[in-house]
Amino acid sequence: LWGPARAMPELAARKPIDAALVNSLLANVVMKAAVGSLAIIPGCIVFRGRSMRCLSGGLGMGFGAGFAWAQGDMHLRHPELVPMPKSLPEELQDFQACAQQRAQSWMRYFGQ
């Protein structure tokens, strides 16, 4: 071991970074920023001014991108503890399954 890996052995155990991994992590950041940008919709309902509406959309994008960035960073630092972020089709399938399950539970609860 040489360089920083000698002083910090956990650096030697890090996951190697390649182009596919970077593309996947950046796609996750873009996807979550896009979902966060939907915060402009309630911003349009709550605020009358254009600047506050844009601020709410920007804050949503920032929170979405920041969450995805932190998730990717944790995966790079601790790949054995934090799973790889899912791709867009996988996320959509999980969301669809969750929404269907919730709708069925509501239908059972309300007796229809």
PDB file of N, CA and C in Angstrom:
ATOM      1  N   LEU A   1       0.841  -1.182   0.000  1.00  0.00           N
ATOM      2  CA  LEU A   1       0.000   0.000   0.000  1.00  0.00           C
ATOM      3  C   LEU A   1       0.879   1.236   0.000  1.00  0.00           C
ATOM      4  N   TRP A   2       0.425   2.247  -0.694  1.00  0.00           N
ATOM      5  CA  TRP A   2       1.177   3.486  -0.747  1.00  0.00           C
ATOM      6  C   TRP A   2       0.206   4.661  -0.723  1.00  0.00           C
ATOM      7  N   GLY A   3       0.695   5.827  -0.461  1.00  0.00           N
ATOM      8  CA  GLY A   3      -0.109   7.054  -0.458  1.00  0.00           C
ATOM      9  C   GLY A   3      -1.136   7.052   0.649  1.00  0.00           C
ATOM     10  N   PRO A   4      -2.335   7.580   0.369  1.00  0.00           N
ATOM     11  CA  PRO A   4      -3.349   7.669   1.409  1.00  0.00           C
ATOM     12  C   PRO A   4      -3.831   6.308   1.883  1.00  0.00           C
ATOM     13  N   ALA A   5      -3.715   5.270   1.047  1.00  0.00           N
ATOM     14  CA  ALA A   5      -4.178   3.941   1.445  1.00  0.00           C
ATOM     15  C   ALA A   5      -3.332   3.366   2.571  1.00  0.00           C
ATOM     16  N   ARG A   6      -2.084   3.804   2.699  1.00  0.00           N
ATOM     17  CA  ARG A   6      -1.244   3.313   3.790  1.00  0.00           C
ATOM     18  C   ARG A   6      -1.719   3.890   5.118  1.00  0.00           C
ATOM     19  N   ALA A   7      -2.093   5.162   5.129  1.00  0.00           N
ATOM     20  CA  ALA A   7      -2.549   5.797   6.356  1.00  0.00           C
ATOM     21  C   ALA A   7      -3.994   5.421   6.681  1.00  0.00           C
ATOM     22  N   MET A   8      -4.800   5.178   5.640  1.00  0.00           N
ATOM     23  CA  MET A   8      -6.214   4.845   5.835  1.00  0.00           C
ATOM     24  C   MET A   8      -6.523   3.572   5.056  1.00  0.00           C
ATOM     25  N   PRO A   9      -6.419   2.407   5.679  1.00  0.00           N
ATOM     26  CA  PRO A   9      -6.599   1.146   4.961  1.00  0.00           C
ATOM     27  C   PRO A   9      -7.988   0.982   4.353  1.00  0.00           C
ATOM     28  N   GLU A  10      -9.008   1.690   4.883  1.00  0.00           N
ATOM     29  CA  GLU A  10     -10.342   1.545   4.309  1.00  0.00           C
ATOM     30  C   GLU A  10     -10.405   2.105   2.895  1.00  0.00           C
ATOM     31  N   LEU A  11      -9.458   2.979   2.514  1.00  0.00           N
ATOM     32  CA  LEU A  11      -9.435   3.487   1.144  1.00  0.00           C
ATOM     33  C   LEU A  11      -9.070   2.393   0.144  1.00  0.00           C
ATOM     34  N   ALA A  12      -8.273   1.432   0.581  1.00  0.00           N
ATOM     35  CA  ALA A  12      -7.873   0.347  -0.318  1.00  0.00           C
ATOM     36  C   ALA A  12      -9.050  -0.577  -0.626  1.00  0.00           C
ATOM     37  N   ALA A  13     -10.042  -0.631   0.277  1.00  0.00           N
ATOM     38  CA  ALA A  13     -11.183  -1.518   0.088  1.00  0.00           C
ATOM     39  C   ALA A  13     -12.317  -0.864  -0.687  1.00  0.00           C
ATOM     40  N   ARG A  14     -12.150   0.355  -1.126  1.00  0.00           N
ATOM     41  CA  ARG A  14     -13.205   1.049  -1.857  1.00  0.00           C
ATOM     42  C   ARG A  14     -13.485   0.383  -3.193  1.00  0.00           C
ATOM     43  N   LYS A  15     -14.691   0.591  -3.656  1.00  0.00           N
ATOM     44  CA  LYS A  15     -15.112   0.039  -4.939  1.00  0.00           C
ATOM     45  C   LYS A  15     -14.419   0.803  -6.064  1.00  0.00           C
ATOM     46  N   PRO A  16     -13.894   0.100  -7.069  1.00  0.00           N
ATOM     47  CA  PRO A  16     -13.266   0.812  -8.187  1.00  0.00           C
ATOM     48  C   PRO A  16     -14.319   1.596  -8.972  1.00  0.00           C
ATOM     49  N   ILE A  17     -13.950   2.774  -9.399  1.00  0.00           N
ATOM     50  CA  ILE A  17     -14.874   3.657 -10.115  1.00  0.00           C
ATOM     51  C   ILE A  17     -14.604   3.522 -11.606  1.00  0.00           C
ATOM     52  N   ASP A  18     -15.638   3.145 -12.362  1.00  0.00           N
ATOM     53  CA  ASP A  18     -15.523   3.042 -13.808  1.00  0.00           C
ATOM     54  C   ASP A  18     -16.625   3.891 -14.452  1.00  0.00           C
ATOM     55  N   ALA A  19     -16.631   3.946 -15.770  1.00  0.00           N
ATOM     56  CA  ALA A  19     -17.569   4.808 -16.489  1.00  0.00           C
ATOM     57  C   ALA A  19     -19.014   4.366 -16.285  1.00  0.00           C
ATOM     58  N   ALA A  20     -19.260   3.076 -16.234  1.00  0.00           N
ATOM     59  CA  ALA A  20     -20.632   2.589 -16.053  1.00  0.00           C
ATOM     60  C   ALA A  20     -21.179   2.995 -14.685  1.00  0.00           C
ATOM     61  N   LEU A  21     -20.342   2.914 -13.667  1.00  0.00           N
ATOM     62  CA  LEU A  21     -20.763   3.298 -12.326  1.00  0.00           C
ATOM     63  C   LEU A  21     -21.061   4.795 -12.260  1.00  0.00           C
ATOM     64  N   VAL A  22     -20.199   5.598 -12.852  1.00  0.00           N
ATOM     65  CA  VAL A  22     -20.402   7.046 -12.850  1.00  0.00           C
ATOM     66  C   VAL A  22     -21.674   7.399 -13.615  1.00  0.00           C
ATOM     67  N   ASN A  23     -21.911   6.767 -14.758  1.00  0.00           N
ATOM     68  CA  ASN A  23     -23.130   7.021 -15.520  1.00  0.00           C
ATOM     69  C   ASN A  23     -24.372   6.660 -14.717  1.00  0.00           C
ATOM     70  N   SER A  24     -24.320   5.543 -14.013  1.00  0.00           N
ATOM     71  CA  SER A  24     -25.463   5.118 -13.214  1.00  0.00           C
ATOM     72  C   SER A  24     -25.727   6.100 -12.072  1.00  0.00           C
ATOM     73  N   LEU A  25     -24.665   6.517 -11.390  1.00  0.00           N
ATOM     74  CA  LEU A  25     -24.846   7.434 -10.271  1.00  0.00           C
ATOM     75  C   LEU A  25     -25.328   8.804 -10.733  1.00  0.00           C
ATOM     76  N   LEU A  26     -24.803   9.290 -11.851  1.00  0.00           N
ATOM     77  CA  LEU A  26     -25.241  10.590 -12.353  1.00  0.00           C
ATOM     78  C   LEU A  26     -26.670  10.523 -12.895  1.00  0.00           C
ATOM     79  N   ALA A  27     -27.049   9.392 -13.475  1.00  0.00           N
ATOM     80  CA  ALA A  27     -28.435   9.231 -13.913  1.00  0.00           C
ATOM     81  C   ALA A  27     -29.373   9.256 -12.711  1.00  0.00           C
ATOM     82  N   ASN A  28     -28.941   8.677 -11.602  1.00  0.00           N
ATOM     83  CA  ASN A  28     -29.730   8.711 -10.374  1.00  0.00           C
ATOM     84  C   ASN A  28     -29.881  10.148  -9.877  1.00  0.00           C
ATOM     85  N   VAL A  29     -28.817  10.938  -9.959  1.00  0.00           N
ATOM     86  CA  VAL A  29     -28.875  12.337  -9.531  1.00  0.00           C
ATOM     87  C   VAL A  29     -29.850  13.116 -10.410  1.00  0.00           C
ATOM     88  N   VAL A  30     -29.767  12.932 -11.711  1.00  0.00           N
ATOM     89  CA  VAL A  30     -30.655  13.647 -12.635  1.00  0.00           C
ATOM     90  C   VAL A  30     -32.104  13.236 -12.412  1.00  0.00           C
ATOM     91  N   MET A  31     -32.337  11.940 -12.211  1.00  0.00           N
ATOM     92  CA  MET A  31     -33.696  11.453 -12.013  1.00  0.00           C
ATOM     93  C   MET A  31     -34.302  12.038 -10.736  1.00  0.00           C
ATOM     94  N   LYS A  32     -33.551  12.036  -9.651  1.00  0.00           N
ATOM     95  CA  LYS A  32     -34.098  12.550  -8.395  1.00  0.00           C
ATOM     96  C   LYS A  32     -34.244  14.068  -8.425  1.00  0.00           C
ATOM     97  N   ALA A  33     -33.384  14.756  -9.167  1.00  0.00           N
ATOM     98  CA  ALA A  33     -33.550  16.204  -9.332  1.00  0.00           C
ATOM     99  C   ALA A  33     -34.812  16.503 -10.134  1.00  0.00           C
ATOM    100  N   ALA A  34     -35.097  15.674 -11.136  1.00  0.00           N
ATOM    101  CA  ALA A  34     -36.313  15.872 -11.933  1.00  0.00           C
ATOM    102  C   ALA A  34     -37.560  15.646 -11.087  1.00  0.00           C
ATOM    103  N   VAL A  35     -37.536  14.628 -10.254  1.00  0.00           N
ATOM    104  CA  VAL A  35     -38.675  14.385  -9.370  1.00  0.00           C
ATOM    105  C   VAL A  35     -38.802  15.523  -8.367  1.00  0.00           C
ATOM    106  N   GLY A  36     -37.683  16.006  -7.862  1.00  0.00           N
ATOM    107  CA  GLY A  36     -37.722  17.126  -6.918  1.00  0.00           C
ATOM    108  C   GLY A  36     -38.231  18.405  -7.542  1.00  0.00           C
ATOM    109  N   SER A  37     -38.019  18.561  -8.848  1.00  0.00           N
ATOM    110  CA  SER A  37     -38.493  19.772  -9.514  1.00  0.00           C
ATOM    111  C   SER A  37     -40.011  19.845  -9.548  1.00  0.00           C
ATOM    112  N   LEU A  38     -40.683  18.728  -9.297  1.00  0.00           N
ATOM    113  CA  LEU A  38     -42.141  18.742  -9.240  1.00  0.00           C
ATOM    114  C   LEU A  38     -42.658  19.523  -8.035  1.00  0.00           C
ATOM    115  N   ALA A  39     -41.772  19.944  -7.161  1.00  0.00           N
ATOM    116  CA  ALA A  39     -42.169  20.791  -6.029  1.00  0.00           C
ATOM    117  C   ALA A  39     -42.684  22.133  -6.505  1.00  0.00           C
ATOM    118  N   ILE A  40     -42.485  22.455  -7.768  1.00  0.00           N
ATOM    119  CA  ILE A  40     -43.010  23.717  -8.290  1.00  0.00           C
ATOM    120  C   ILE A  40     -44.538  23.672  -8.361  1.00  0.00           C
ATOM    121  N   ILE A  41     -45.129  22.490  -8.436  1.00  0.00           N
ATOM    122  CA  ILE A  41     -46.590  22.378  -8.546  1.00  0.00           C
ATOM    123  C   ILE A  41     -47.266  22.886  -7.271  1.00  0.00           C
ATOM    124  N   PRO A  42     -46.907  22.380  -6.077  1.00  0.00           N
ATOM    125  CA  PRO A  42     -47.520  22.991  -4.893  1.00  0.00           C
ATOM    126  C   PRO A  42     -47.061  24.434  -4.692  1.00  0.00           C
ATOM    127  N   GLY A  43     -45.871  24.771  -5.188  1.00  0.00           N
ATOM    128  CA  GLY A  43     -45.414  26.150  -5.106  1.00  0.00           C
ATOM    129  C   GLY A  43     -46.295  27.081  -5.903  1.00  0.00           C
ATOM    130  N   CYS A  44     -46.803  26.605  -7.037  1.00  0.00           N
ATOM    131  CA  CYS A  44     -47.717  27.420  -7.848  1.00  0.00           C
ATOM    132  C   CYS A  44     -49.067  27.601  -7.154  1.00  0.00           C
ATOM    133  N   ILE A  45     -49.439  26.652  -6.334  1.00  0.00           N
ATOM    134  CA  ILE A  45     -50.711  26.753  -5.625  1.00  0.00           C
ATOM    135  C   ILE A  45     -50.580  27.664  -4.403  1.00  0.00           C
ATOM    136  N   VAL A  46     -49.467  27.536  -3.693  1.00  0.00           N
ATOM    137  CA  VAL A  46     -49.300  28.263  -2.439  1.00  0.00           C
ATOM    138  C   VAL A  46     -48.860  29.705  -2.669  1.00  0.00           C
ATOM    139  N   PHE A  47     -47.924  29.930  -3.600  1.00  0.00           N
ATOM    140  CA  PHE A  47     -47.337  31.264  -3.777  1.00  0.00           C
ATOM    141  C   PHE A  47     -47.920  31.967  -4.987  1.00  0.00           C
ATOM    142  N   ARG A  48     -48.017  33.284  -4.869  1.00  0.00           N
ATOM    143  CA  ARG A  48     -48.528  34.084  -5.989  1.00  0.00           C
ATOM    144  C   ARG A  48     -47.399  34.633  -6.849  1.00  0.00           C
ATOM    145  N   GLY A  49     -46.245  34.892  -6.237  1.00  0.00           N
ATOM    146  CA  GLY A  49     -45.137  35.488  -6.971  1.00  0.00           C
ATOM    147  C   GLY A  49     -44.335  34.469  -7.757  1.00  0.00           C
ATOM    148  N   ARG A  50     -43.836  34.904  -8.897  1.00  0.00           N
ATOM    149  CA  ARG A  50     -43.047  34.032  -9.752  1.00  0.00           C
ATOM    150  C   ARG A  50     -41.755  33.608  -9.073  1.00  0.00           C
ATOM    151  N   SER A  51     -41.153  34.510  -8.325  1.00  0.00           N
ATOM    152  CA  SER A  51     -39.867  34.180  -7.702  1.00  0.00           C
ATOM    153  C   SER A  51     -40.011  33.090  -6.642  1.00  0.00           C
ATOM    154  N   MET A  52     -41.065  33.134  -5.852  1.00  0.00           N
ATOM    155  CA  MET A  52     -41.259  32.095  -4.833  1.00  0.00           C
ATOM    156  C   MET A  52     -41.610  30.751  -5.467  1.00  0.00           C
ATOM    157  N   ARG A  53     -42.321  30.793  -6.579  1.00  0.00           N
ATOM    158  CA  ARG A  53     -42.633  29.541  -7.283  1.00  0.00           C
ATOM    159  C   ARG A  53     -41.351  28.905  -7.823  1.00  0.00           C
ATOM    160  N   CYS A  54     -40.504  29.721  -8.417  1.00  0.00           N
ATOM    161  CA  CYS A  54     -39.230  29.200  -8.925  1.00  0.00           C
ATOM    162  C   CYS A  54     -38.328  28.733  -7.786  1.00  0.00           C
ATOM    163  N   LEU A  55     -38.375  29.445  -6.669  1.00  0.00           N
ATOM    164  CA  LEU A  55     -37.580  29.037  -5.511  1.00  0.00           C
ATOM    165  C   LEU A  55     -38.025  27.670  -5.004  1.00  0.00           C
ATOM    166  N   SER A  56     -39.337  27.433  -4.957  1.00  0.00           N
ATOM    167  CA  SER A  56     -39.804  26.129  -4.477  1.00  0.00           C
ATOM    168  C   SER A  56     -39.375  25.012  -5.423  1.00  0.00           C
ATOM    169  N   GLY A  57     -39.414  25.260  -6.739  1.00  0.00           N
ATOM    170  CA  GLY A  57     -38.928  24.254  -7.689  1.00  0.00           C
ATOM    171  C   GLY A  57     -37.439  24.019  -7.554  1.00  0.00           C
ATOM    172  N   GLY A  58     -36.688  25.097  -7.370  1.00  0.00           N
ATOM    173  CA  GLY A  58     -35.238  24.972  -7.203  1.00  0.00           C
ATOM    174  C   GLY A  58     -34.860  24.249  -5.922  1.00  0.00           C
ATOM    175  N   LEU A  59     -35.596  24.530  -4.838  1.00  0.00           N
ATOM    176  CA  LEU A  59     -35.331  23.816  -3.586  1.00  0.00           C
ATOM    177  C   LEU A  59     -35.627  22.322  -3.736  1.00  0.00           C
ATOM    178  N   GLY A  60     -36.708  22.005  -4.429  1.00  0.00           N
ATOM    179  CA  GLY A  60     -37.030  20.592  -4.662  1.00  0.00           C
ATOM    180  C   GLY A  60     -35.949  19.899  -5.467  1.00  0.00           C
ATOM    181  N   MET A  61     -35.464  20.581  -6.503  1.00  0.00           N
ATOM    182  CA  MET A  61     -34.381  19.999  -7.306  1.00  0.00           C
ATOM    183  C   MET A  61     -33.125  19.812  -6.465  1.00  0.00           C
ATOM    184  N   GLY A  62     -32.818  20.798  -5.642  1.00  0.00           N
ATOM    185  CA  GLY A  62     -31.624  20.721  -4.804  1.00  0.00           C
ATOM    186  C   GLY A  62     -31.700  19.587  -3.796  1.00  0.00           C
ATOM    187  N   PHE A  63     -32.863  19.443  -3.165  1.00  0.00           N
ATOM    188  CA  PHE A  63     -33.015  18.348  -2.203  1.00  0.00           C
ATOM    189  C   PHE A  63     -32.944  16.992  -2.903  1.00  0.00           C
ATOM    190  N   GLY A  64     -33.570  16.861  -4.059  1.00  0.00           N
ATOM    191  CA  GLY A  64     -33.527  15.590  -4.796  1.00  0.00           C
ATOM    192  C   GLY A  64     -32.123  15.235  -5.237  1.00  0.00           C
ATOM    193  N   ALA A  65     -31.432  16.215  -5.829  1.00  0.00           N
ATOM    194  CA  ALA A  65     -30.066  15.954  -6.294  1.00  0.00           C
ATOM    195  C   ALA A  65     -29.127  15.709  -5.116  1.00  0.00           C
ATOM    196  N   GLY A  66     -29.312  16.437  -4.040  1.00  0.00           N
ATOM    197  CA  GLY A  66     -28.457  16.251  -2.866  1.00  0.00           C
ATOM    198  C   GLY A  66     -28.639  14.885  -2.237  1.00  0.00           C
ATOM    199  N   PHE A  67     -29.882  14.429  -2.158  1.00  0.00           N
ATOM    200  CA  PHE A  67     -30.143  13.103  -1.611  1.00  0.00           C
ATOM    201  C   PHE A  67     -29.504  12.023  -2.479  1.00  0.00           C
ATOM    202  N   ALA A  68     -29.650  12.158  -3.801  1.00  0.00           N
ATOM    203  CA  ALA A  68     -29.061  11.166  -4.710  1.00  0.00           C
ATOM    204  C   ALA A  68     -27.539  11.198  -4.646  1.00  0.00           C
ATOM    205  N   TRP A  69     -26.969  12.394  -4.534  1.00  0.00           N
ATOM    206  CA  TRP A  69     -25.508  12.514  -4.441  1.00  0.00           C
ATOM    207  C   TRP A  69     -25.004  11.843  -3.170  1.00  0.00           C
ATOM    208  N   ALA A  70     -25.698  12.072  -2.057  1.00  0.00           N
ATOM    209  CA  ALA A  70     -25.300  11.449  -0.786  1.00  0.00           C
ATOM    210  C   ALA A  70     -25.440   9.929  -0.862  1.00  0.00           C
ATOM    211  N   GLN A  71     -26.497   9.460  -1.522  1.00  0.00           N
ATOM    212  CA  GLN A  71     -26.686   8.018  -1.672  1.00  0.00           C
ATOM    213  C   GLN A  71     -25.551   7.405  -2.495  1.00  0.00           C
ATOM    214  N   GLY A  72     -25.182   8.062  -3.599  1.00  0.00           N
ATOM    215  CA  GLY A  72     -24.079   7.566  -4.420  1.00  0.00           C
ATOM    216  C   GLY A  72     -22.752   7.613  -3.699  1.00  0.00           C
ATOM    217  N   ASP A  73     -22.520   8.672  -2.930  1.00  0.00           N
ATOM    218  CA  ASP A  73     -21.279   8.799  -2.179  1.00  0.00           C
ATOM    219  C   ASP A  73     -21.179   7.712  -1.113  1.00  0.00           C
ATOM    220  N   MET A  74     -22.284   7.445  -0.430  1.00  0.00           N
ATOM    221  CA  MET A  74     -22.265   6.381   0.580  1.00  0.00           C
ATOM    222  C   MET A  74     -22.032   5.016  -0.067  1.00  0.00           C
ATOM    223  N   HIS A  75     -22.570   4.819  -1.277  1.00  0.00           N
ATOM    224  CA  HIS A  75     -22.325   3.542  -1.964  1.00  0.00           C
ATOM    225  C   HIS A  75     -20.853   3.404  -2.334  1.00  0.00           C
ATOM    226  N   LEU A  76     -20.233   4.490  -2.767  1.00  0.00           N
ATOM    227  CA  LEU A  76     -18.814   4.414  -3.124  1.00  0.00           C
ATOM    228  C   LEU A  76     -17.934   4.183  -1.899  1.00  0.00           C
ATOM    229  N   ARG A  77     -18.298   4.795  -0.789  1.00  0.00           N
ATOM    230  CA  ARG A  77     -17.488   4.644   0.429  1.00  0.00           C
ATOM    231  C   ARG A  77     -17.703   3.301   1.114  1.00  0.00           C
ATOM    232  N   HIS A  78     -18.943   2.814   1.115  1.00  0.00           N
ATOM    233  CA  HIS A  78     -19.273   1.569   1.820  1.00  0.00           C
ATOM    234  C   HIS A  78     -20.137   0.686   0.922  1.00  0.00           C
ATOM    235  N   PRO A  79     -19.549   0.095  -0.125  1.00  0.00           N
ATOM    236  CA  PRO A  79     -20.367  -0.694  -1.065  1.00  0.00           C
ATOM    237  C   PRO A  79     -20.981  -1.942  -0.443  1.00  0.00           C
ATOM    238  N   GLU A  80     -20.408  -2.449   0.640  1.00  0.00           N
ATOM    239  CA  GLU A  80     -20.966  -3.644   1.265  1.00  0.00           C
ATOM    240  C   GLU A  80     -22.174  -3.323   2.137  1.00  0.00           C
ATOM    241  N   LEU A  81     -22.318  -2.072   2.562  1.00  0.00           N
ATOM    242  CA  LEU A  81     -23.437  -1.677   3.417  1.00  0.00           C
ATOM    243  C   LEU A  81     -24.565  -0.975   2.651  1.00  0.00           C
ATOM    244  N   VAL A  82     -24.209  -0.168   1.676  1.00  0.00           N
ATOM    245  CA  VAL A  82     -25.200   0.630   0.945  1.00  0.00           C
ATOM    246  C   VAL A  82     -25.328   0.056  -0.467  1.00  0.00           C
ATOM    247  N   PRO A  83     -26.534  -0.357  -0.852  1.00  0.00           N
ATOM    248  CA  PRO A  83     -26.687  -0.940  -2.198  1.00  0.00           C
ATOM    249  C   PRO A  83     -26.565   0.117  -3.291  1.00  0.00           C
ATOM    250  N   MET A  84     -26.295  -0.355  -4.485  1.00  0.00           N
ATOM    251  CA  MET A  84     -26.227   0.511  -5.652  1.00  0.00           C
ATOM    252  C   MET A  84     -27.596   1.125  -5.899  1.00  0.00           C
ATOM    253  N   PRO A  85     -27.675   2.424  -6.166  1.00  0.00           N
ATOM    254  CA  PRO A  85     -28.984   3.018  -6.472  1.00  0.00           C
ATOM    255  C   PRO A  85     -29.606   2.340  -7.689  1.00  0.00           C
ATOM    256  N   LYS A  86     -30.916   2.183  -7.641  1.00  0.00           N
ATOM    257  CA  LYS A  86     -31.618   1.494  -8.719  1.00  0.00           C
ATOM    258  C   LYS A  86     -31.715   2.382  -9.949  1.00  0.00           C
ATOM    259  N   SER A  87     -31.903   1.742 -11.096  1.00  0.00           N
ATOM    260  CA  SER A  87     -32.080   2.486 -12.344  1.00  0.00           C
ATOM    261  C   SER A  87     -33.518   2.995 -12.431  1.00  0.00           C
ATOM    262  N   LEU A  88     -33.769   3.849 -13.409  1.00  0.00           N
ATOM    263  CA  LEU A  88     -35.103   4.432 -13.560  1.00  0.00           C
ATOM    264  C   LEU A  88     -36.190   3.382 -13.777  1.00  0.00           C
ATOM    265  N   PRO A  89     -36.007   2.409 -14.670  1.00  0.00           N
ATOM    266  CA  PRO A  89     -37.072   1.407 -14.823  1.00  0.00           C
ATOM    267  C   PRO A  89     -37.334   0.603 -13.549  1.00  0.00           C
ATOM    268  N   GLU A  90     -36.286   0.278 -12.810  1.00  0.00           N
ATOM    269  CA  GLU A  90     -36.471  -0.461 -11.557  1.00  0.00           C
ATOM    270  C   GLU A  90     -37.207   0.384 -10.530  1.00  0.00           C
ATOM    271  N   GLU A  91     -36.856   1.663 -10.438  1.00  0.00           N
ATOM    272  CA  GLU A  91     -37.540   2.565  -9.507  1.00  0.00           C
ATOM    273  C   GLU A  91     -39.016   2.682  -9.872  1.00  0.00           C
ATOM    274  N   LEU A  92     -39.316   2.792 -11.169  1.00  0.00           N
ATOM    275  CA  LEU A  92     -40.708   2.918 -11.593  1.00  0.00           C
ATOM    276  C   LEU A  92     -41.505   1.646 -11.305  1.00  0.00           C
ATOM    277  N   GLN A  93     -40.881   0.477 -11.486  1.00  0.00           N
ATOM    278  CA  GLN A  93     -41.565  -0.773 -11.177  1.00  0.00           C
ATOM    279  C   GLN A  93     -41.857  -0.873  -9.682  1.00  0.00           C
ATOM    280  N   ASP A  94     -40.890  -0.501  -8.852  1.00  0.00           N
ATOM    281  CA  ASP A  94     -41.104  -0.524  -7.402  1.00  0.00           C
ATOM    282  C   ASP A  94     -42.211   0.445  -6.998  1.00  0.00           C
ATOM    283  N   PHE A  95     -42.219   1.633  -7.599  1.00  0.00           N
ATOM    284  CA  PHE A  95     -43.252   2.623  -7.287  1.00  0.00           C
ATOM    285  C   PHE A  95     -44.622   2.117  -7.708  1.00  0.00           C
ATOM    286  N   GLN A  96     -44.705   1.494  -8.883  1.00  0.00           N
ATOM    287  CA  GLN A  96     -45.974   0.967  -9.369  1.00  0.00           C
ATOM    288  C   GLN A  96     -46.488  -0.141  -8.453  1.00  0.00           C
ATOM    289  N   ALA A  97     -45.617  -1.038  -8.041  1.00  0.00           N
ATOM    290  CA  ALA A  97     -46.017  -2.122  -7.145  1.00  0.00           C
ATOM    291  C   ALA A  97     -46.489  -1.569  -5.804  1.00  0.00           C
ATOM    292  N   CYS A  98     -45.782  -0.575  -5.286  1.00  0.00           N
ATOM    293  CA  CYS A  98     -46.171   0.034  -4.005  1.00  0.00           C
ATOM    294  C   CYS A  98     -47.520   0.733  -4.135  1.00  0.00           C
ATOM    295  N   ALA A  99     -47.732   1.460  -5.229  1.00  0.00           N
ATOM    296  CA  ALA A  99     -49.003   2.169  -5.430  1.00  0.00           C
ATOM    297  C   ALA A  99     -50.161   1.183  -5.569  1.00  0.00           C
ATOM    298  N   GLN A 100     -49.950   0.079  -6.277  1.00  0.00           N
ATOM    299  CA  GLN A 100     -51.005  -0.929  -6.421  1.00  0.00           C
ATOM    300  C   GLN A 100     -51.333  -1.571  -5.083  1.00  0.00           C
ATOM    301  N   GLN A 101     -50.305  -1.858  -4.301  1.00  0.00           N
ATOM    302  CA  GLN A 101     -50.523  -2.460  -2.989  1.00  0.00           C
ATOM    303  C   GLN A 101     -51.279  -1.501  -2.076  1.00  0.00           C
ATOM    304  N   ARG A 102     -50.927  -0.235  -2.118  1.00  0.00           N
ATOM    305  CA  ARG A 102     -51.605   0.753  -1.282  1.00  0.00           C
ATOM    306  C   ARG A 102     -53.053   0.930  -1.722  1.00  0.00           C
ATOM    307  N   ALA A 103     -53.298   0.951  -3.040  1.00  0.00           N
ATOM    308  CA  ALA A 103     -54.669   1.087  -3.540  1.00  0.00           C
ATOM    309  C   ALA A 103     -55.516  -0.110  -3.124  1.00  0.00           C
ATOM    310  N   GLN A 104     -54.948  -1.316  -3.178  1.00  0.00           N
ATOM    311  CA  GLN A 104     -55.697  -2.497  -2.754  1.00  0.00           C
ATOM    312  C   GLN A 104     -56.004  -2.461  -1.268  1.00  0.00           C
ATOM    313  N   SER A 105     -55.056  -1.994  -0.462  1.00  0.00           N
ATOM    314  CA  SER A 105     -55.321  -1.907   0.979  1.00  0.00           C
ATOM    315  C   SER A 105     -56.388  -0.861   1.281  1.00  0.00           C
ATOM    316  N   TRP A 106     -56.409   0.226   0.542  1.00  0.00           N
ATOM    317  CA  TRP A 106     -57.455   1.244   0.729  1.00  0.00           C
ATOM    318  C   TRP A 106     -58.819   0.675   0.330  1.00  0.00           C
ATOM    319  N   MET A 107     -58.835  -0.079  -0.767  1.00  0.00           N
ATOM    320  CA  MET A 107     -60.121  -0.656  -1.208  1.00  0.00           C
ATOM    321  C   MET A 107     -60.639  -1.646  -0.166  1.00  0.00           C
ATOM    322  N   ARG A 108     -59.733  -2.438   0.437  1.00  0.00           N
ATOM    323  CA  ARG A 108     -60.169  -3.355   1.504  1.00  0.00           C
ATOM    324  C   ARG A 108     -60.646  -2.591   2.723  1.00  0.00           C
ATOM    325  N   TYR A 109     -59.951  -1.480   3.049  1.00  0.00           N
ATOM    326  CA  TYR A 109     -60.302  -0.700   4.229  1.00  0.00           C
ATOM    327  C   TYR A 109     -61.672  -0.044   4.073  1.00  0.00           C
ATOM    328  N   PHE A 110     -61.945   0.485   2.881  1.00  0.00           N
ATOM    329  CA  PHE A 110     -63.210   1.164   2.649  1.00  0.00           C
ATOM    330  C   PHE A 110     -64.307   0.205   2.198  1.00  0.00           C
ATOM    331  N   GLY A 111     -63.990  -1.090   2.078  1.00  0.00           N
ATOM    332  CA  GLY A 111     -64.996  -2.101   1.809  1.00  0.00           C
ATOM    333  C   GLY A 111     -65.515  -2.157   0.398  1.00  0.00           C
ATOM    334  N   GLN A 112     -64.680  -1.879  -0.570  1.00  0.00           N
ATOM    335  CA  GLN A 112     -65.160  -1.961  -1.955  1.00  0.00           C
ATOM    336  C   GLN A 112     -64.485  -3.066  -2.687  1.00  0.00           C
TER     337      GLN A 112
END
